[in-house]
Amino acid sequence: MWRVTTVFSGVQGAPYYSNHYFPGTTTPAEGVEAVDEFWDGCASVMVDDCSWTVQGEVVDIDVTSGQPVGFTTVTGANGAGTLTGEMQSPAIQMLVRWTSEQVINGRLLRGRTFIPAIAETMNDGGRPSATAVADVQAAASALIVDIDSDIGVWSRTHGAFAVVTNASVWEEYAVLRSRRD
């Protein structure tokens, strides 16, 4: 399994880190490209002070142990938010919920991605605007159907990996506990 890491900078609370996982059938370069396209799709809800780098060093991880077993270096990618203006509190994030069809201990294997640096203009009465939800949903859906890669979710606890079959964007704001100031 490959781990592609994105590092965000330029805004309060940064650096932020986000990891995405891909099966060995996806090449590291395809994984980096897919993650870059996902973040580019989310750029429309993020302030332009926020920039990111999809790291070119991709880690090969043993699914069962969670230990790195190798590294591959490919060309990384960069991007930035597109909205001018104020950023909402760094604790406020949009949330993509990834689901698979694998059941472990009676529960579906799921994952989450938090979208940082949300622009104040994307706020609609204390919730993400319909436009924000639609833009992030489109980016998540495109990542799932990308013909060159298969995004996945990984359970460190159970040593299991599964390909994502569905994504939904939460229509409320989420708080990633490690990003609370």
N, C-alpha and C. Protein backbone atom coordinates (compact mmCIF):
# COMPACT_ATOMS: atom_id res chain seq x y z
N MET A 1 0.86 -1.16 0.00
CA MET A 1 0.00 0.00 0.00
C MET A 1 0.91 1.23 0.00
N TRP A 2 0.51 2.24 -0.77
CA TRP A 2 1.27 3.49 -0.84
C TRP A 2 0.58 4.58 -0.01
N ARG A 3 1.40 5.40 0.67
CA ARG A 3 0.88 6.56 1.39
C ARG A 3 1.41 7.82 0.70
N VAL A 4 0.46 8.66 0.28
CA VAL A 4 0.80 9.94 -0.34
C VAL A 4 0.44 11.02 0.67
N THR A 5 1.41 11.85 1.03
CA THR A 5 1.23 12.88 2.04
C THR A 5 1.19 14.26 1.40
N THR A 6 0.25 15.08 1.87
CA THR A 6 0.15 16.47 1.45
C THR A 6 0.44 17.34 2.67
N VAL A 7 1.26 18.38 2.46
CA VAL A 7 1.59 19.33 3.52
C VAL A 7 1.04 20.69 3.12
N PHE A 8 0.23 21.28 4.02
CA PHE A 8 -0.37 22.60 3.79
C PHE A 8 0.42 23.65 4.56
N SER A 9 0.52 24.84 4.00
CA SER A 9 1.23 25.93 4.67
C SER A 9 0.59 27.27 4.31
N GLY A 10 1.08 28.34 4.96
CA GLY A 10 0.66 29.69 4.62
C GLY A 10 -0.48 30.25 5.43
N VAL A 11 -1.10 29.45 6.28
CA VAL A 11 -2.23 29.92 7.07
C VAL A 11 -2.02 29.59 8.54
N GLN A 12 -2.80 30.24 9.39
CA GLN A 12 -2.71 30.01 10.82
C GLN A 12 -2.91 28.54 11.14
N GLY A 13 -2.05 28.02 12.01
CA GLY A 13 -2.15 26.62 12.42
C GLY A 13 -1.33 25.68 11.56
N ALA A 14 -0.84 26.14 10.42
CA ALA A 14 -0.05 25.30 9.53
C ALA A 14 1.32 25.04 10.15
N PRO A 15 1.95 23.94 9.82
CA PRO A 15 1.61 23.06 8.71
C PRO A 15 0.52 22.07 9.09
N TYR A 16 -0.30 21.75 8.10
CA TYR A 16 -1.30 20.69 8.22
C TYR A 16 -0.81 19.53 7.35
N TYR A 17 -1.13 18.31 7.74
CA TYR A 17 -0.75 17.14 6.98
C TYR A 17 -1.99 16.33 6.65
N SER A 18 -2.01 15.75 5.47
CA SER A 18 -3.12 14.89 5.07
C SER A 18 -2.54 13.68 4.32
N ASN A 19 -2.99 12.49 4.70
CA ASN A 19 -2.51 11.26 4.06
C ASN A 19 -3.62 10.59 3.27
N HIS A 20 -3.25 10.08 2.10
CA HIS A 20 -4.16 9.28 1.28
C HIS A 20 -3.45 7.98 0.95
N TYR A 21 -4.21 6.90 0.84
CA TYR A 21 -3.64 5.57 0.66
C TYR A 21 -4.12 4.96 -0.65
N PHE A 22 -3.20 4.21 -1.28
CA PHE A 22 -3.48 3.56 -2.56
C PHE A 22 -2.94 2.14 -2.53
N PRO A 23 -3.60 1.21 -3.23
CA PRO A 23 -3.08 -0.16 -3.28
C PRO A 23 -1.83 -0.22 -4.15
N GLY A 24 -1.10 -1.31 -4.03
CA GLY A 24 0.12 -1.48 -4.82
C GLY A 24 -0.11 -1.49 -6.32
N THR A 25 -1.35 -1.68 -6.76
CA THR A 25 -1.64 -1.67 -8.20
C THR A 25 -1.62 -0.25 -8.77
N THR A 26 -1.69 0.75 -7.91
CA THR A 26 -1.56 2.15 -8.33
C THR A 26 -0.09 2.52 -8.18
N THR A 27 0.51 3.13 -9.19
CA THR A 27 1.90 3.53 -9.06
C THR A 27 1.99 4.77 -8.17
N PRO A 28 3.15 5.00 -7.56
CA PRO A 28 3.31 6.21 -6.75
C PRO A 28 3.03 7.49 -7.55
N ALA A 29 3.47 7.57 -8.78
CA ALA A 29 3.22 8.76 -9.60
C ALA A 29 1.72 8.95 -9.84
N GLU A 30 1.00 7.86 -10.07
CA GLU A 30 -0.46 7.96 -10.26
C GLU A 30 -1.14 8.42 -8.98
N GLY A 31 -0.66 7.94 -7.84
CA GLY A 31 -1.22 8.36 -6.56
C GLY A 31 -1.01 9.84 -6.30
N VAL A 32 0.20 10.34 -6.56
CA VAL A 32 0.50 11.76 -6.37
C VAL A 32 -0.37 12.60 -7.30
N GLU A 33 -0.49 12.19 -8.55
CA GLU A 33 -1.30 12.93 -9.51
C GLU A 33 -2.77 12.96 -9.09
N ALA A 34 -3.29 11.82 -8.63
CA ALA A 34 -4.70 11.75 -8.21
C ALA A 34 -4.96 12.65 -7.00
N VAL A 35 -4.05 12.64 -6.02
CA VAL A 35 -4.22 13.49 -4.84
C VAL A 35 -4.12 14.96 -5.23
N ASP A 36 -3.19 15.29 -6.12
CA ASP A 36 -3.07 16.67 -6.60
C ASP A 36 -4.37 17.13 -7.27
N GLU A 37 -4.96 16.29 -8.09
CA GLU A 37 -6.22 16.64 -8.75
C GLU A 37 -7.35 16.81 -7.73
N PHE A 38 -7.34 15.98 -6.68
CA PHE A 38 -8.35 16.12 -5.62
C PHE A 38 -8.22 17.49 -4.96
N TRP A 39 -7.00 17.85 -4.54
CA TRP A 39 -6.82 19.14 -3.87
C TRP A 39 -7.12 20.30 -4.82
N ASP A 40 -6.76 20.15 -6.09
CA ASP A 40 -7.11 21.21 -7.06
C ASP A 40 -8.62 21.39 -7.13
N GLY A 41 -9.38 20.30 -7.03
CA GLY A 41 -10.84 20.37 -7.02
C GLY A 41 -11.40 21.02 -5.77
N CYS A 42 -10.64 20.95 -4.67
CA CYS A 42 -11.06 21.57 -3.41
C CYS A 42 -10.60 23.01 -3.28
N ALA A 43 -9.73 23.46 -4.18
CA ALA A 43 -9.15 24.80 -4.10
C ALA A 43 -10.20 25.90 -4.09
N SER A 44 -11.34 25.64 -4.69
CA SER A 44 -12.39 26.65 -4.81
C SER A 44 -13.09 26.98 -3.50
N VAL A 45 -12.79 26.26 -2.42
CA VAL A 45 -13.39 26.55 -1.11
C VAL A 45 -12.35 27.06 -0.12
N MET A 46 -11.10 27.11 -0.57
CA MET A 46 -9.99 27.45 0.32
C MET A 46 -9.44 28.85 0.00
N VAL A 47 -8.91 29.51 1.03
CA VAL A 47 -8.33 30.84 0.84
C VAL A 47 -7.02 30.74 0.07
N ASP A 48 -6.72 31.81 -0.66
CA ASP A 48 -5.52 31.80 -1.50
C ASP A 48 -4.22 31.91 -0.71
N ASP A 49 -4.29 32.19 0.58
CA ASP A 49 -3.10 32.18 1.43
C ASP A 49 -2.63 30.75 1.69
N CYS A 50 -3.52 29.80 1.54
CA CYS A 50 -3.20 28.40 1.80
C CYS A 50 -2.61 27.76 0.55
N SER A 51 -1.43 27.19 0.72
CA SER A 51 -0.83 26.45 -0.38
C SER A 51 -0.51 25.05 0.12
N TRP A 52 -0.29 24.15 -0.82
CA TRP A 52 0.03 22.78 -0.43
C TRP A 52 1.05 22.19 -1.37
N THR A 53 1.71 21.18 -0.84
CA THR A 53 2.65 20.38 -1.62
C THR A 53 2.30 18.92 -1.42
N VAL A 54 1.99 18.25 -2.52
CA VAL A 54 1.82 16.80 -2.48
C VAL A 54 3.24 16.26 -2.58
N GLN A 55 3.69 15.63 -1.51
CA GLN A 55 5.07 15.19 -1.41
C GLN A 55 5.43 14.17 -2.49
N GLY A 56 6.62 14.31 -3.04
CA GLY A 56 7.10 13.38 -4.06
C GLY A 56 7.67 12.10 -3.47
N GLU A 57 7.95 12.10 -2.17
CA GLU A 57 8.42 10.88 -1.53
C GLU A 57 7.20 10.10 -1.07
N VAL A 58 6.94 9.00 -1.74
CA VAL A 58 5.77 8.17 -1.45
C VAL A 58 6.25 6.95 -0.66
N VAL A 59 5.56 6.66 0.43
CA VAL A 59 5.98 5.59 1.34
C VAL A 59 5.20 4.31 1.03
N ASP A 60 5.94 3.21 0.91
CA ASP A 60 5.34 1.88 0.76
C ASP A 60 5.17 1.32 2.17
N ILE A 61 3.93 1.04 2.54
CA ILE A 61 3.63 0.60 3.90
C ILE A 61 3.09 -0.82 3.89
N ASP A 62 3.59 -1.63 4.82
CA ASP A 62 3.04 -2.97 5.03
C ASP A 62 1.67 -2.81 5.68
N VAL A 63 0.63 -3.30 5.03
CA VAL A 63 -0.74 -3.11 5.51
C VAL A 63 -0.93 -3.68 6.91
N THR A 64 -0.39 -4.84 7.17
CA THR A 64 -0.63 -5.51 8.44
C THR A 64 0.10 -4.86 9.60
N SER A 65 1.39 -4.56 9.41
CA SER A 65 2.17 -4.01 10.52
C SER A 65 2.12 -2.49 10.60
N GLY A 66 1.84 -1.84 9.48
CA GLY A 66 1.84 -0.38 9.44
C GLY A 66 3.23 0.21 9.31
N GLN A 67 4.23 -0.64 9.16
CA GLN A 67 5.61 -0.19 9.07
C GLN A 67 6.00 0.13 7.63
N PRO A 68 6.78 1.20 7.44
CA PRO A 68 7.29 1.49 6.10
C PRO A 68 8.23 0.37 5.65
N VAL A 69 8.08 -0.04 4.40
CA VAL A 69 8.96 -1.07 3.86
C VAL A 69 9.74 -0.55 2.65
N GLY A 70 9.48 0.68 2.25
CA GLY A 70 10.21 1.26 1.14
C GLY A 70 9.72 2.66 0.84
N PHE A 71 10.48 3.33 0.00
CA PHE A 71 10.16 4.68 -0.42
C PHE A 71 10.40 4.79 -1.91
N THR A 72 9.57 5.55 -2.58
CA THR A 72 9.77 5.84 -3.98
C THR A 72 9.66 7.35 -4.16
N THR A 73 10.58 7.91 -4.93
CA THR A 73 10.55 9.34 -5.17
C THR A 73 10.05 9.60 -6.58
N VAL A 74 9.01 10.41 -6.67
CA VAL A 74 8.42 10.82 -7.94
C VAL A 74 8.31 12.35 -7.91
N THR A 75 7.84 12.92 -8.98
CA THR A 75 7.65 14.37 -9.01
C THR A 75 6.44 14.74 -8.17
N GLY A 76 6.63 15.62 -7.21
CA GLY A 76 5.53 16.09 -6.36
C GLY A 76 4.68 17.09 -7.11
N ALA A 77 3.75 17.69 -6.40
CA ALA A 77 2.85 18.67 -7.02
C ALA A 77 2.53 19.76 -6.01
N ASN A 78 2.19 20.95 -6.52
CA ASN A 78 1.86 22.09 -5.67
C ASN A 78 0.54 22.69 -6.09
N GLY A 79 -0.11 23.36 -5.16
CA GLY A 79 -1.35 24.05 -5.46
C GLY A 79 -1.65 25.06 -4.38
N ALA A 80 -2.73 25.80 -4.59
CA ALA A 80 -3.14 26.81 -3.61
C ALA A 80 -4.63 27.04 -3.73
N GLY A 81 -5.21 27.52 -2.63
CA GLY A 81 -6.61 27.92 -2.64
C GLY A 81 -6.82 29.07 -3.62
N THR A 82 -8.07 29.30 -3.98
CA THR A 82 -8.34 30.32 -5.01
C THR A 82 -9.16 31.51 -4.51
N LEU A 83 -9.63 31.48 -3.26
CA LEU A 83 -10.50 32.55 -2.79
C LEU A 83 -9.74 33.60 -1.98
N THR A 84 -9.99 34.86 -2.29
CA THR A 84 -9.42 35.93 -1.49
C THR A 84 -10.33 36.18 -0.29
N GLY A 85 -9.79 36.84 0.70
CA GLY A 85 -10.61 37.17 1.85
C GLY A 85 -10.19 36.41 3.09
N GLU A 86 -11.06 36.46 4.08
CA GLU A 86 -10.78 35.89 5.39
C GLU A 86 -10.97 34.38 5.41
N MET A 87 -10.10 33.73 6.18
CA MET A 87 -10.24 32.30 6.43
C MET A 87 -11.05 32.14 7.72
N GLN A 88 -11.91 31.14 7.75
CA GLN A 88 -12.61 30.81 8.98
C GLN A 88 -11.60 30.30 10.00
N SER A 89 -12.02 30.12 11.23
CA SER A 89 -11.14 29.60 12.27
C SER A 89 -10.40 28.36 11.77
N PRO A 90 -9.12 28.22 12.12
CA PRO A 90 -8.38 27.03 11.68
C PRO A 90 -9.00 25.72 12.17
N ALA A 91 -9.80 25.79 13.23
CA ALA A 91 -10.44 24.57 13.73
C ALA A 91 -11.58 24.12 12.84
N ILE A 92 -12.12 25.02 12.02
CA ILE A 92 -13.25 24.68 11.16
C ILE A 92 -12.74 24.04 9.88
N GLN A 93 -13.21 22.84 9.61
CA GLN A 93 -12.79 22.08 8.44
C GLN A 93 -14.02 21.53 7.73
N MET A 94 -13.88 21.27 6.44
CA MET A 94 -14.89 20.48 5.76
C MET A 94 -14.42 19.03 5.85
N LEU A 95 -15.36 18.11 5.73
CA LEU A 95 -15.05 16.70 5.94
C LEU A 95 -15.57 15.84 4.80
N VAL A 96 -14.65 15.04 4.23
CA VAL A 96 -15.03 14.02 3.26
C VAL A 96 -14.98 12.68 3.99
N ARG A 97 -16.08 11.94 3.90
CA ARG A 97 -16.15 10.62 4.53
C ARG A 97 -16.07 9.57 3.44
N TRP A 98 -15.03 8.75 3.50
CA TRP A 98 -14.79 7.69 2.51
C TRP A 98 -15.33 6.37 3.06
N THR A 99 -16.01 5.59 2.24
CA THR A 99 -16.46 4.27 2.67
C THR A 99 -16.04 3.21 1.66
N SER A 100 -15.88 2.02 2.16
CA SER A 100 -15.53 0.87 1.33
C SER A 100 -16.63 -0.18 1.50
N GLU A 101 -16.44 -1.31 0.86
CA GLU A 101 -17.40 -2.40 1.02
C GLU A 101 -16.88 -3.48 1.95
N GLN A 102 -15.71 -3.25 2.58
CA GLN A 102 -15.13 -4.24 3.48
C GLN A 102 -15.69 -4.07 4.89
N VAL A 103 -16.14 -5.18 5.46
CA VAL A 103 -16.68 -5.18 6.82
C VAL A 103 -15.66 -5.83 7.75
N ILE A 104 -15.37 -5.13 8.85
CA ILE A 104 -14.46 -5.65 9.87
C ILE A 104 -15.17 -5.52 11.21
N ASN A 105 -15.30 -6.63 11.91
CA ASN A 105 -15.99 -6.65 13.21
C ASN A 105 -17.38 -6.02 13.11
N GLY A 106 -18.09 -6.32 12.04
CA GLY A 106 -19.46 -5.85 11.88
C GLY A 106 -19.60 -4.40 11.45
N ARG A 107 -18.49 -3.75 11.08
CA ARG A 107 -18.54 -2.35 10.67
C ARG A 107 -17.82 -2.17 9.34
N LEU A 108 -18.33 -1.24 8.54
CA LEU A 108 -17.67 -0.91 7.28
C LEU A 108 -16.35 -0.21 7.56
N LEU A 109 -15.35 -0.53 6.76
CA LEU A 109 -14.07 0.17 6.86
C LEU A 109 -14.23 1.54 6.21
N ARG A 110 -13.95 2.59 6.99
CA ARG A 110 -14.18 3.96 6.55
C ARG A 110 -12.92 4.80 6.78
N GLY A 111 -12.89 5.95 6.13
CA GLY A 111 -11.80 6.91 6.34
C GLY A 111 -12.33 8.32 6.23
N ARG A 112 -11.47 9.29 6.53
CA ARG A 112 -11.89 10.69 6.47
C ARG A 112 -10.75 11.54 5.95
N THR A 113 -11.12 12.61 5.27
CA THR A 113 -10.17 13.64 4.87
C THR A 113 -10.76 14.98 5.29
N PHE A 114 -9.95 15.76 5.98
CA PHE A 114 -10.36 17.09 6.43
C PHE A 114 -9.82 18.12 5.45
N ILE A 115 -10.66 19.07 5.06
CA ILE A 115 -10.29 20.13 4.13
C ILE A 115 -10.05 21.39 4.95
N PRO A 116 -8.79 21.89 5.01
CA PRO A 116 -8.49 23.07 5.83
C PRO A 116 -8.68 24.38 5.06
N ALA A 117 -8.47 25.48 5.79
CA ALA A 117 -8.40 26.84 5.23
C ALA A 117 -9.66 27.24 4.46
N ILE A 118 -10.82 26.95 5.03
CA ILE A 118 -12.08 27.26 4.38
C ILE A 118 -12.32 28.77 4.42
N ALA A 119 -12.66 29.33 3.28
CA ALA A 119 -12.91 30.77 3.17
C ALA A 119 -14.22 31.14 3.86
N GLU A 120 -14.24 32.31 4.46
CA GLU A 120 -15.45 32.80 5.12
C GLU A 120 -16.61 32.90 4.14
N THR A 121 -16.34 33.18 2.88
CA THR A 121 -17.40 33.29 1.88
C THR A 121 -18.09 31.95 1.60
N MET A 122 -17.51 30.85 2.06
CA MET A 122 -18.12 29.52 1.89
C MET A 122 -19.02 29.16 3.05
N ASN A 123 -19.20 30.08 3.99
CA ASN A 123 -20.03 29.85 5.16
C ASN A 123 -21.46 30.28 4.86
N ASP A 124 -22.43 29.45 5.23
CA ASP A 124 -23.83 29.77 5.03
C ASP A 124 -24.58 29.49 6.33
N GLY A 125 -24.64 30.47 7.20
CA GLY A 125 -25.36 30.31 8.46
C GLY A 125 -24.74 29.28 9.38
N GLY A 126 -23.41 29.21 9.41
CA GLY A 126 -22.73 28.27 10.29
C GLY A 126 -22.53 26.89 9.70
N ARG A 127 -22.81 26.75 8.43
CA ARG A 127 -22.60 25.49 7.70
C ARG A 127 -21.89 25.79 6.39
N PRO A 128 -21.25 24.77 5.81
CA PRO A 128 -20.67 24.99 4.48
C PRO A 128 -21.78 25.31 3.49
N SER A 129 -21.52 26.23 2.58
CA SER A 129 -22.52 26.58 1.57
C SER A 129 -22.76 25.39 0.64
N ALA A 130 -23.88 25.41 -0.04
CA ALA A 130 -24.20 24.34 -0.99
C ALA A 130 -23.13 24.27 -2.08
N THR A 131 -22.61 25.42 -2.48
CA THR A 131 -21.54 25.45 -3.48
C THR A 131 -20.29 24.75 -2.97
N ALA A 132 -19.92 25.03 -1.72
CA ALA A 132 -18.74 24.39 -1.13
C ALA A 132 -18.90 22.88 -1.07
N VAL A 133 -20.06 22.43 -0.61
CA VAL A 133 -20.31 20.99 -0.52
C VAL A 133 -20.26 20.35 -1.92
N ALA A 134 -20.86 20.99 -2.90
CA ALA A 134 -20.88 20.45 -4.26
C ALA A 134 -19.47 20.39 -4.86
N ASP A 135 -18.67 21.43 -4.64
CA ASP A 135 -17.31 21.45 -5.19
C ASP A 135 -16.45 20.34 -4.59
N VAL A 136 -16.50 20.18 -3.28
CA VAL A 136 -15.70 19.15 -2.61
C VAL A 136 -16.22 17.76 -2.97
N GLN A 137 -17.55 17.60 -3.08
CA GLN A 137 -18.13 16.31 -3.48
C GLN A 137 -17.66 15.94 -4.89
N ALA A 138 -17.63 16.91 -5.79
CA ALA A 138 -17.17 16.64 -7.16
C ALA A 138 -15.71 16.19 -7.16
N ALA A 139 -14.87 16.83 -6.34
CA ALA A 139 -13.46 16.46 -6.25
C ALA A 139 -13.31 15.04 -5.69
N ALA A 140 -14.08 14.72 -4.64
CA ALA A 140 -14.01 13.39 -4.03
C ALA A 140 -14.51 12.32 -4.99
N SER A 141 -15.60 12.59 -5.67
CA SER A 141 -16.15 11.62 -6.63
C SER A 141 -15.18 11.37 -7.78
N ALA A 142 -14.52 12.44 -8.24
CA ALA A 142 -13.54 12.30 -9.32
C ALA A 142 -12.35 11.44 -8.87
N LEU A 143 -11.95 11.57 -7.62
CA LEU A 143 -10.85 10.76 -7.09
C LEU A 143 -11.23 9.27 -7.07
N ILE A 144 -12.46 8.98 -6.72
CA ILE A 144 -12.90 7.58 -6.67
C ILE A 144 -12.91 6.95 -8.06
N VAL A 145 -13.34 7.69 -9.06
CA VAL A 145 -13.49 7.10 -10.40
C VAL A 145 -12.26 7.30 -11.28
N ASP A 146 -11.20 7.92 -10.75
CA ASP A 146 -9.97 8.11 -11.51
C ASP A 146 -9.52 6.76 -12.08
N ILE A 147 -9.38 6.67 -13.39
CA ILE A 147 -9.07 5.38 -14.01
C ILE A 147 -7.64 4.92 -13.76
N ASP A 148 -6.76 5.84 -13.35
CA ASP A 148 -5.37 5.47 -13.12
C ASP A 148 -5.05 5.09 -11.69
N SER A 149 -5.99 5.29 -10.77
CA SER A 149 -5.68 5.03 -9.36
C SER A 149 -6.92 4.55 -8.62
N ASP A 150 -6.68 3.89 -7.50
CA ASP A 150 -7.75 3.44 -6.60
C ASP A 150 -7.46 3.96 -5.21
N ILE A 151 -8.19 4.99 -4.80
CA ILE A 151 -8.03 5.52 -3.44
C ILE A 151 -8.55 4.46 -2.47
N GLY A 152 -7.92 4.37 -1.32
CA GLY A 152 -8.35 3.38 -0.35
C GLY A 152 -8.38 3.92 1.06
N VAL A 153 -8.89 3.10 1.97
CA VAL A 153 -8.88 3.40 3.39
C VAL A 153 -8.14 2.28 4.10
N TRP A 154 -7.46 2.63 5.16
CA TRP A 154 -6.63 1.68 5.88
C TRP A 154 -6.94 1.74 7.36
N SER A 155 -7.09 0.57 7.96
CA SER A 155 -7.28 0.46 9.41
C SER A 155 -5.97 -0.03 10.02
N ARG A 156 -5.30 0.86 10.72
CA ARG A 156 -4.06 0.47 11.41
C ARG A 156 -4.36 -0.58 12.47
N THR A 157 -5.48 -0.39 13.19
CA THR A 157 -5.86 -1.30 14.27
C THR A 157 -6.05 -2.73 13.79
N HIS A 158 -6.71 -2.89 12.63
CA HIS A 158 -7.03 -4.22 12.13
C HIS A 158 -6.11 -4.69 11.02
N GLY A 159 -5.15 -3.86 10.63
CA GLY A 159 -4.22 -4.24 9.56
C GLY A 159 -4.95 -4.57 8.28
N ALA A 160 -5.91 -3.72 7.91
CA ALA A 160 -6.73 -3.99 6.72
C ALA A 160 -6.78 -2.76 5.82
N PHE A 161 -6.85 -3.02 4.53
CA PHE A 161 -6.94 -1.98 3.52
C PHE A 161 -8.08 -2.34 2.57
N ALA A 162 -8.84 -1.34 2.14
CA ALA A 162 -9.91 -1.59 1.17
C ALA A 162 -10.04 -0.39 0.24
N VAL A 163 -10.39 -0.66 -1.00
CA VAL A 163 -10.61 0.40 -1.97
C VAL A 163 -11.91 1.12 -1.64
N VAL A 164 -11.88 2.45 -1.77
CA VAL A 164 -13.06 3.28 -1.49
C VAL A 164 -14.08 3.10 -2.60
N THR A 165 -15.34 2.96 -2.22
CA THR A 165 -16.42 2.84 -3.20
C THR A 165 -17.39 4.01 -3.17
N ASN A 166 -17.30 4.84 -2.10
CA ASN A 166 -18.22 5.97 -1.99
C ASN A 166 -17.58 7.08 -1.16
N ALA A 167 -17.96 8.31 -1.48
CA ALA A 167 -17.53 9.46 -0.70
C ALA A 167 -18.72 10.36 -0.47
N SER A 168 -18.79 10.92 0.72
CA SER A 168 -19.84 11.91 1.00
C SER A 168 -19.22 13.05 1.77
N VAL A 169 -19.65 14.25 1.43
CA VAL A 169 -19.17 15.45 2.11
C VAL A 169 -20.19 15.82 3.16
N TRP A 170 -19.73 15.97 4.39
CA TRP A 170 -20.61 16.31 5.48
C TRP A 170 -21.10 17.74 5.30
N GLU A 171 -22.38 17.96 5.50
CA GLU A 171 -22.98 19.27 5.30
C GLU A 171 -22.93 20.13 6.56
N GLU A 172 -22.08 19.75 7.48
CA GLU A 172 -21.78 20.51 8.70
C GLU A 172 -20.26 20.71 8.70
N TYR A 173 -19.79 21.58 9.57
CA TYR A 173 -18.35 21.70 9.72
C TYR A 173 -17.85 20.63 10.69
N ALA A 174 -16.63 20.21 10.49
CA ALA A 174 -15.99 19.23 11.35
C ALA A 174 -14.82 19.90 12.04
N VAL A 175 -14.40 19.33 13.16
CA VAL A 175 -13.23 19.81 13.87
C VAL A 175 -12.28 18.64 14.04
N LEU A 176 -11.12 18.76 13.42
CA LEU A 176 -10.08 17.76 13.62
C LEU A 176 -9.40 18.11 14.94
N ARG A 177 -9.51 17.23 15.90
CA ARG A 177 -9.05 17.54 17.26
C ARG A 177 -7.61 18.05 17.31
N SER A 178 -6.75 17.52 16.47
CA SER A 178 -5.35 17.96 16.51
C SER A 178 -5.18 19.37 15.96
N ARG A 179 -6.21 19.93 15.32
CA ARG A 179 -6.10 21.28 14.77
C ARG A 179 -6.80 22.32 15.63
N ARG A 180 -7.31 21.92 16.79
CA ARG A 180 -7.91 22.89 17.70
C ARG A 180 -6.80 23.67 18.38
N ASP A 181 -6.94 24.97 18.42
CA ASP A 181 -5.93 25.79 19.10
C ASP A 181 -6.39 26.21 20.46
